[in-house]
Amino acid sequence: MRPGSYAAIISGLWPVALRYPNNAEIEFATDNAGRLHVIAPVEQAAFIRQAAAWAQRNASLIRLGFPGLASDPLPIVERIVFTDATQAVDWHHCGVRLDLVIRAQEKFVHVSLNDDRTLKP
C-alpha cells in the first residue's frame, strides 16, 4: 500500500499540483529554497530524468502557477522513493536523493537515505 502522495510525507517538501504528462506516478514538490523536487517510486525511476527535463523545458510555464520557485535555471532535485531500504543500496552516490517511506502503526514514515553531502561519489 502506498500513500496518496510521497511529496506530502517527505519532511521539508510541499506537494505541487503538477503532473508529468507521460507518467502519473511522478510527483513534484518544492522546498524552502524554491527548488523543484521530482519524486518517483523506484519502480518508475527510469522516468525521473525525463520528468526533470520536461520540467526544465517548461520552467517558465510552471513558474506562472508556482511563483515561489527559484529563477533560471530552475534548480531540480531528483528523488527516488523506496519501500525497502535494501533496494536502495545500488543507488547510493548516483546524484539522486534517496527516500525510504514505510508504513508504521497506521501511518507512513519517511527516512532520508542520503543527503546533499552524500549524493555524488
Foldseek 3Di string as FASTA:
>chain_A
DDDPDPQVADPQWDWDPDADVVDRQWTWTAGPQQAIEIEHEPVCVVCQVVSVVVCQVCVVVVCVVVVSHDDPSHHYAYEYEYQDVVVCPVVWQQQHWYWHWYDDPNRIHIDTPDDPVGNHD
